[in-house]
Amino acid sequence: MKKRYLVFALLLALTLTGCGRQTAAPTTQTTPAPQKESSAETAADRNPTAAELGRKEQEDLVFMIEGLEETVTADLHIGQGYSIYIPDEGWRLETDTEDGVPKETWESILNDDVELTVLHLGERTLEQAQDWVRAEEDDYQLVEDKQGGLGGTDTEELEMLEVRFHPSGNGMYAVLYKCPMEAIEGFGTRLSVMADTFQVME
């Protein structure tokens, strides 16, 4: 009798032990699909093309030098927020920053006193831009014209300076050009025509 109870108890214990075991449910891990990086270049990442600006990549500039017409081919330079035509020969470009103001300067390879500069004057008003230029070019006796530009001469160095201001949605730009007074008829005329081609991007 005791043997029968012992066998029964042993079977009961084995049954309960088996019931206590739980098999863990298999788990599955999903790896998110890698996102494709767009290789498309947005307009903010690059300068627009000449066609997007509605301008030609090259243009003929016409100068009247001592009563004679002179024509040169100029390439469209597209800067940050602006474009301008620069003759494809005879000028070298230098980039710099002056008191936190970025500038691009084209200097004549024939006369390093002849240059045209584009200044990025940021969020300055016309009056603030004029004050900045006057402080930087304090050797010149500058007078304001009817369009808000500045012009004058350095009587010691015998040089002339003209400044044109161009407000835009991207801030204020200034186009400066200078040359020796003895070269106004030639280089002064060329610089004026080049400055006329300056356009800001809206």
C-alpha atoms as a PDB file:
ATOM      1  CA  MET A   1       0.000   0.000   0.000  1.00  0.00           C
ATOM      2  CA  LYS A   2       2.802   2.322   0.921  1.00  0.00           C
ATOM      3  CA  LYS A   3       4.502   1.477  -2.322  1.00  0.00           C
ATOM      4  CA  ARG A   4       1.373   2.468  -4.316  1.00  0.00           C
ATOM      5  CA  TYR A   5       1.195   5.859  -2.487  1.00  0.00           C
ATOM      6  CA  LEU A   6       4.892   6.424  -3.117  1.00  0.00           C
ATOM      7  CA  VAL A   7       4.511   5.808  -6.843  1.00  0.00           C
ATOM      8  CA  PHE A   8       1.451   8.098  -6.969  1.00  0.00           C
ATOM      9  CA  ALA A   9       3.264  10.885  -5.125  1.00  0.00           C
ATOM     10  CA  LEU A  10       6.245  10.553  -7.451  1.00  0.00           C
ATOM     11  CA  LEU A  11       4.029  10.802 -10.557  1.00  0.00           C
ATOM     12  CA  LEU A  12       2.218  13.832  -9.102  1.00  0.00           C
ATOM     13  CA  ALA A  13       5.510  15.611  -8.421  1.00  0.00           C
ATOM     14  CA  LEU A  14       6.764  14.962 -11.943  1.00  0.00           C
ATOM     15  CA  THR A  15       3.492  16.241 -13.407  1.00  0.00           C
ATOM     16  CA  LEU A  16       3.630  19.474 -11.392  1.00  0.00           C
ATOM     17  CA  THR A  17       7.270  20.056 -12.347  1.00  0.00           C
ATOM     18  CA  GLY A  18       6.419  19.695 -16.032  1.00  0.00           C
ATOM     19  CA  CYS A  19       3.543  22.135 -15.723  1.00  0.00           C
ATOM     20  CA  GLY A  20       5.830  24.725 -14.138  1.00  0.00           C
ATOM     21  CA  ARG A  21       8.096  24.899 -17.171  1.00  0.00           C
ATOM     22  CA  GLN A  22       7.285  27.623 -19.689  1.00  0.00           C
ATOM     23  CA  THR A  23       8.740  27.831 -23.127  1.00  0.00           C
ATOM     24  CA  ALA A  24       9.693  31.353 -24.073  1.00  0.00           C
ATOM     25  CA  ALA A  25       7.964  32.560 -27.198  1.00  0.00           C
ATOM     26  CA  PRO A  26      10.381  33.175 -30.020  1.00  0.00           C
ATOM     27  CA  THR A  27      11.177  36.863 -30.530  1.00  0.00           C
ATOM     28  CA  THR A  28      11.796  38.488 -33.864  1.00  0.00           C
ATOM     29  CA  GLN A  29      13.849  41.632 -34.370  1.00  0.00           C
ATOM     30  CA  THR A  30      13.140  43.961 -37.241  1.00  0.00           C
ATOM     31  CA  THR A  31      15.852  46.279 -38.546  1.00  0.00           C
ATOM     32  CA  PRO A  32      14.464  49.537 -39.928  1.00  0.00           C
ATOM     33  CA  ALA A  33      15.133  49.999 -43.590  1.00  0.00           C
ATOM     34  CA  PRO A  34      17.893  52.550 -44.226  1.00  0.00           C
ATOM     35  CA  GLN A  35      16.574  55.903 -45.350  1.00  0.00           C
ATOM     36  CA  LYS A  36      17.733  57.050 -48.727  1.00  0.00           C
ATOM     37  CA  GLU A  37      19.669  60.284 -48.692  1.00  0.00           C
ATOM     38  CA  SER A  38      18.534  62.691 -51.302  1.00  0.00           C
ATOM     39  CA  SER A  39      21.326  63.538 -53.674  1.00  0.00           C
ATOM     40  CA  ALA A  40      19.325  66.322 -55.271  1.00  0.00           C
ATOM     41  CA  GLU A  41      21.003  69.680 -54.827  1.00  0.00           C
ATOM     42  CA  THR A  42      18.695  72.378 -53.576  1.00  0.00           C
ATOM     43  CA  ALA A  43      18.814  75.943 -54.750  1.00  0.00           C
ATOM     44  CA  ALA A  44      20.083  77.010 -51.329  1.00  0.00           C
ATOM     45  CA  ASP A  45      23.166  74.799 -51.721  1.00  0.00           C
ATOM     46  CA  ARG A  46      24.458  76.464 -54.863  1.00  0.00           C
ATOM     47  CA  ASN A  47      24.483  79.658 -56.842  1.00  0.00           C
ATOM     48  CA  PRO A  48      21.899  79.837 -59.642  1.00  0.00           C
ATOM     49  CA  THR A  49      22.998  79.507 -63.235  1.00  0.00           C
ATOM     50  CA  ALA A  50      23.108  82.381 -65.700  1.00  0.00           C
ATOM     51  CA  ALA A  51      19.966  81.007 -67.375  1.00  0.00           C
ATOM     52  CA  GLU A  52      18.112  80.936 -64.047  1.00  0.00           C
ATOM     53  CA  LEU A  53      19.026  84.592 -63.571  1.00  0.00           C
ATOM     54  CA  GLY A  54      17.875  85.443 -67.083  1.00  0.00           C
ATOM     55  CA  ARG A  55      21.375  86.615 -68.008  1.00  0.00           C
ATOM     56  CA  LYS A  56      23.894  85.480 -70.619  1.00  0.00           C
ATOM     57  CA  GLU A  57      27.063  83.658 -69.604  1.00  0.00           C
ATOM     58  CA  GLN A  58      28.993  86.164 -71.714  1.00  0.00           C
ATOM     59  CA  GLU A  59      28.196  89.712 -72.763  1.00  0.00           C
ATOM     60  CA  ASP A  60      29.959  92.337 -74.858  1.00  0.00           C
ATOM     61  CA  LEU A  61      30.783  95.490 -72.903  1.00  0.00           C
ATOM     62  CA  VAL A  62      31.130  98.681 -74.922  1.00  0.00           C
ATOM     63  CA  PHE A  63      33.359 101.531 -73.717  1.00  0.00           C
ATOM     64  CA  MET A  64      33.831 104.978 -75.233  1.00  0.00           C
ATOM     65  CA  ILE A  65      37.499 105.793 -74.689  1.00  0.00           C
ATOM     66  CA  GLU A  66      38.585 109.228 -75.922  1.00  0.00           C
ATOM     67  CA  GLY A  67      35.803 109.265 -78.486  1.00  0.00           C
ATOM     68  CA  LEU A  68      36.576 105.768 -79.797  1.00  0.00           C
ATOM     69  CA  GLU A  69      34.346 102.744 -79.221  1.00  0.00           C
ATOM     70  CA  GLU A  70      35.980  99.726 -77.592  1.00  0.00           C
ATOM     71  CA  THR A  71      34.225  96.362 -77.181  1.00  0.00           C
ATOM     72  CA  VAL A  72      35.400  93.563 -74.881  1.00  0.00           C
ATOM     73  CA  THR A  73      33.910  90.180 -74.005  1.00  0.00           C
ATOM     74  CA  ALA A  74      32.935  89.810 -70.357  1.00  0.00           C
ATOM     75  CA  ASP A  75      32.048  86.697 -68.340  1.00  0.00           C
ATOM     76  CA  LEU A  76      29.165  86.650 -65.874  1.00  0.00           C
ATOM     77  CA  HIS A  77      30.493  86.259 -62.339  1.00  0.00           C
ATOM     78  CA  ILE A  78      27.837  84.890 -59.976  1.00  0.00           C
ATOM     79  CA  GLY A  79      28.607  85.719 -56.363  1.00  0.00           C
ATOM     80  CA  GLN A  80      26.682  85.211 -53.135  1.00  0.00           C
ATOM     81  CA  GLY A  81      23.452  87.058 -53.829  1.00  0.00           C
ATOM     82  CA  TYR A  82      24.594  89.011 -56.873  1.00  0.00           C
ATOM     83  CA  SER A  83      26.018  88.820 -60.396  1.00  0.00           C
ATOM     84  CA  ILE A  84      28.252  91.105 -62.443  1.00  0.00           C
ATOM     85  CA  TYR A  85      30.030  91.045 -65.796  1.00  0.00           C
ATOM     86  CA  ILE A  86      33.842  91.155 -65.674  1.00  0.00           C
ATOM     87  CA  PRO A  87      36.041  91.255 -68.824  1.00  0.00           C
ATOM     88  CA  ASP A  88      37.492  87.806 -69.426  1.00  0.00           C
ATOM     89  CA  GLU A  89      41.027  89.193 -69.739  1.00  0.00           C
ATOM     90  CA  GLY A  90      43.046  91.740 -67.814  1.00  0.00           C
ATOM     91  CA  TRP A  91      41.529  91.314 -64.326  1.00  0.00           C
ATOM     92  CA  ARG A  92      42.356  89.094 -61.344  1.00  0.00           C
ATOM     93  CA  LEU A  93      39.952  88.268 -58.516  1.00  0.00           C
ATOM     94  CA  GLU A  94      40.876  88.445 -54.845  1.00  0.00           C
ATOM     95  CA  THR A  95      38.529  87.540 -51.969  1.00  0.00           C
ATOM     96  CA  ASP A  96      38.949  88.856 -48.445  1.00  0.00           C
ATOM     97  CA  THR A  97      37.112  89.973 -45.318  1.00  0.00           C
ATOM     98  CA  GLU A  98      37.480  93.474 -43.883  1.00  0.00           C
ATOM     99  CA  ASP A  99      36.131  94.139 -40.375  1.00  0.00           C
ATOM    100  CA  GLY A 100      33.772  91.194 -40.792  1.00  0.00           C
ATOM    101  CA  VAL A 101      32.564  92.348 -44.216  1.00  0.00           C
ATOM    102  CA  PRO A 102      33.190  89.855 -47.082  1.00  0.00           C
ATOM    103  CA  LYS A 103      34.476  91.416 -50.263  1.00  0.00           C
ATOM    104  CA  GLU A 104      35.491  90.409 -53.782  1.00  0.00           C
ATOM    105  CA  THR A 105      37.939  92.653 -55.600  1.00  0.00           C
ATOM    106  CA  TRP A 106      38.901  92.623 -59.277  1.00  0.00           C
ATOM    107  CA  GLU A 107      42.257  94.281 -59.829  1.00  0.00           C
ATOM    108  CA  SER A 108      43.672  95.330 -63.191  1.00  0.00           C
ATOM    109  CA  ILE A 109      46.752  93.319 -64.130  1.00  0.00           C
ATOM    110  CA  LEU A 110      48.069  96.440 -65.897  1.00  0.00           C
ATOM    111  CA  ASN A 111      47.702  98.794 -62.932  1.00  0.00           C
ATOM    112  CA  ASP A 112      47.164  97.518 -59.384  1.00  0.00           C
ATOM    113  CA  ASP A 113      45.750 100.920 -58.361  1.00  0.00           C
ATOM    114  CA  VAL A 114      42.726 100.184 -60.562  1.00  0.00           C
ATOM    115  CA  GLU A 115      40.118  97.973 -58.904  1.00  0.00           C
ATOM    116  CA  LEU A 116      36.437  97.182 -58.553  1.00  0.00           C
ATOM    117  CA  THR A 117      35.145  95.769 -55.257  1.00  0.00           C
ATOM    118  CA  VAL A 118      31.834  94.216 -54.192  1.00  0.00           C
ATOM    119  CA  LEU A 119      31.097  94.466 -50.465  1.00  0.00           C
ATOM    120  CA  HIS A 120      28.513  92.361 -48.578  1.00  0.00           C
ATOM    121  CA  LEU A 121      27.358  94.864 -45.949  1.00  0.00           C
ATOM    122  CA  GLY A 122      24.685  92.652 -44.390  1.00  0.00           C
ATOM    123  CA  GLU A 123      21.593  94.121 -42.745  1.00  0.00           C
ATOM    124  CA  ARG A 124      22.856  97.706 -42.730  1.00  0.00           C
ATOM    125  CA  THR A 125      20.625 100.552 -43.801  1.00  0.00           C
ATOM    126  CA  LEU A 126      21.783 102.935 -46.531  1.00  0.00           C
ATOM    127  CA  GLU A 127      22.914 105.459 -43.923  1.00  0.00           C
ATOM    128  CA  GLN A 128      24.808 102.786 -41.952  1.00  0.00           C
ATOM    129  CA  ALA A 129      26.410 101.513 -45.169  1.00  0.00           C
ATOM    130  CA  GLN A 130      27.499 105.031 -46.103  1.00  0.00           C
ATOM    131  CA  ASP A 131      29.008 105.535 -42.643  1.00  0.00           C
ATOM    132  CA  TRP A 132      30.905 102.228 -42.897  1.00  0.00           C
ATOM    133  CA  VAL A 133      32.404 103.147 -46.269  1.00  0.00           C
ATOM    134  CA  ARG A 134      33.331 106.655 -45.094  1.00  0.00           C
ATOM    135  CA  ALA A 135      35.135 105.184 -42.074  1.00  0.00           C
ATOM    136  CA  GLU A 136      37.018 102.641 -44.215  1.00  0.00           C
ATOM    137  CA  GLU A 137      37.870 105.081 -46.999  1.00  0.00           C
ATOM    138  CA  ASP A 138      38.630 108.103 -44.848  1.00  0.00           C
ATOM    139  CA  ASP A 139      41.419 109.276 -47.169  1.00  0.00           C
ATOM    140  CA  TYR A 140      38.751 110.288 -49.684  1.00  0.00           C
ATOM    141  CA  GLN A 141      36.594 113.397 -49.467  1.00  0.00           C
ATOM    142  CA  LEU A 142      33.292 111.678 -50.282  1.00  0.00           C
ATOM    143  CA  VAL A 143      30.110 113.473 -51.301  1.00  0.00           C
ATOM    144  CA  GLU A 144      26.648 111.873 -51.585  1.00  0.00           C
ATOM    145  CA  ASP A 145      24.886 111.938 -54.957  1.00  0.00           C
ATOM    146  CA  LYS A 146      21.141 111.984 -55.673  1.00  0.00           C
ATOM    147  CA  GLN A 147      20.935 108.174 -55.746  1.00  0.00           C
ATOM    148  CA  GLY A 148      22.587 107.793 -52.324  1.00  0.00           C
ATOM    149  CA  GLY A 149      25.963 106.837 -53.757  1.00  0.00           C
ATOM    150  CA  LEU A 150      29.267 108.357 -52.735  1.00  0.00           C
ATOM    151  CA  GLY A 151      32.082 109.823 -54.801  1.00  0.00           C
ATOM    152  CA  GLY A 152      35.250 111.777 -54.211  1.00  0.00           C
ATOM    153  CA  THR A 153      39.009 112.024 -54.457  1.00  0.00           C
ATOM    154  CA  ASP A 154      42.113 111.433 -52.389  1.00  0.00           C
ATOM    155  CA  THR A 155      44.066 114.621 -53.067  1.00  0.00           C
ATOM    156  CA  GLU A 156      47.326 113.241 -51.652  1.00  0.00           C
ATOM    157  CA  GLU A 157      47.364 109.989 -53.648  1.00  0.00           C
ATOM    158  CA  LEU A 158      45.533 111.618 -56.592  1.00  0.00           C
ATOM    159  CA  GLU A 159      42.940 108.840 -56.809  1.00  0.00           C
ATOM    160  CA  MET A 160      39.182 108.842 -57.348  1.00  0.00           C
ATOM    161  CA  LEU A 161      36.560 106.595 -55.706  1.00  0.00           C
ATOM    162  CA  GLU A 162      32.938 105.928 -56.659  1.00  0.00           C
ATOM    163  CA  VAL A 163      30.532 103.904 -54.489  1.00  0.00           C
ATOM    164  CA  ARG A 164      27.102 102.573 -55.452  1.00  0.00           C
ATOM    165  CA  PHE A 165      24.747 100.944 -52.944  1.00  0.00           C
ATOM    166  CA  HIS A 166      22.330  98.131 -53.785  1.00  0.00           C
ATOM    167  CA  PRO A 167      19.756  97.059 -51.167  1.00  0.00           C
ATOM    168  CA  SER A 168      18.159  93.636 -51.563  1.00  0.00           C
ATOM    169  CA  GLY A 169      16.273  91.000 -49.627  1.00  0.00           C
ATOM    170  CA  ASN A 170      19.661  89.469 -48.748  1.00  0.00           C
ATOM    171  CA  GLY A 171      21.000  92.705 -47.274  1.00  0.00           C
ATOM    172  CA  MET A 172      22.975  95.689 -48.500  1.00  0.00           C
ATOM    173  CA  TYR A 173      25.680  95.508 -51.172  1.00  0.00           C
ATOM    174  CA  ALA A 174      28.126  98.180 -52.236  1.00  0.00           C
ATOM    175  CA  VAL A 175      30.083  98.367 -55.485  1.00  0.00           C
ATOM    176  CA  LEU A 176      33.225 100.473 -55.197  1.00  0.00           C
ATOM    177  CA  TYR A 177      35.645 101.331 -57.953  1.00  0.00           C
ATOM    178  CA  LYS A 178      38.790 103.396 -57.799  1.00  0.00           C
ATOM    179  CA  CYS A 179      41.630 104.433 -60.064  1.00  0.00           C
ATOM    180  CA  PRO A 180      44.292 107.145 -60.377  1.00  0.00           C
ATOM    181  CA  MET A 181      42.850 110.481 -61.466  1.00  0.00           C
ATOM    182  CA  GLU A 182      45.096 110.473 -64.531  1.00  0.00           C
ATOM    183  CA  ALA A 183      43.394 107.222 -65.649  1.00  0.00           C
ATOM    184  CA  ILE A 184      39.785 108.396 -65.283  1.00  0.00           C
ATOM    185  CA  GLU A 185      39.261 108.765 -69.030  1.00  0.00           C
ATOM    186  CA  GLY A 186      40.312 105.162 -69.696  1.00  0.00           C
ATOM    187  CA  PHE A 187      40.028 102.961 -66.618  1.00  0.00           C
ATOM    188  CA  GLY A 188      37.404 105.142 -64.971  1.00  0.00           C
ATOM    189  CA  THR A 189      35.121 104.665 -67.969  1.00  0.00           C
ATOM    190  CA  ARG A 190      35.699 100.886 -68.016  1.00  0.00           C
ATOM    191  CA  LEU A 191      35.032 100.567 -64.285  1.00  0.00           C
ATOM    192  CA  SER A 192      31.802 102.562 -64.566  1.00  0.00           C
ATOM    193  CA  VAL A 193      30.468 100.303 -67.332  1.00  0.00           C
ATOM    194  CA  MET A 194      31.417  97.185 -65.360  1.00  0.00           C
ATOM    195  CA  ALA A 195      29.666  98.539 -62.254  1.00  0.00           C
ATOM    196  CA  ASP A 196      26.543  99.207 -64.345  1.00  0.00           C
ATOM    197  CA  THR A 197      26.189  95.441 -64.928  1.00  0.00           C
ATOM    198  CA  PHE A 198      25.876  94.636 -61.198  1.00  0.00           C
ATOM    199  CA  GLN A 199      22.553  93.027 -60.205  1.00  0.00           C
ATOM    200  CA  VAL A 200      21.337  91.683 -56.877  1.00  0.00           C
ATOM    201  CA  MET A 201      19.296  88.487 -56.654  1.00  0.00           C
ATOM    202  CA  GLU A 202      15.819  88.894 -55.183  1.00  0.00           C
END
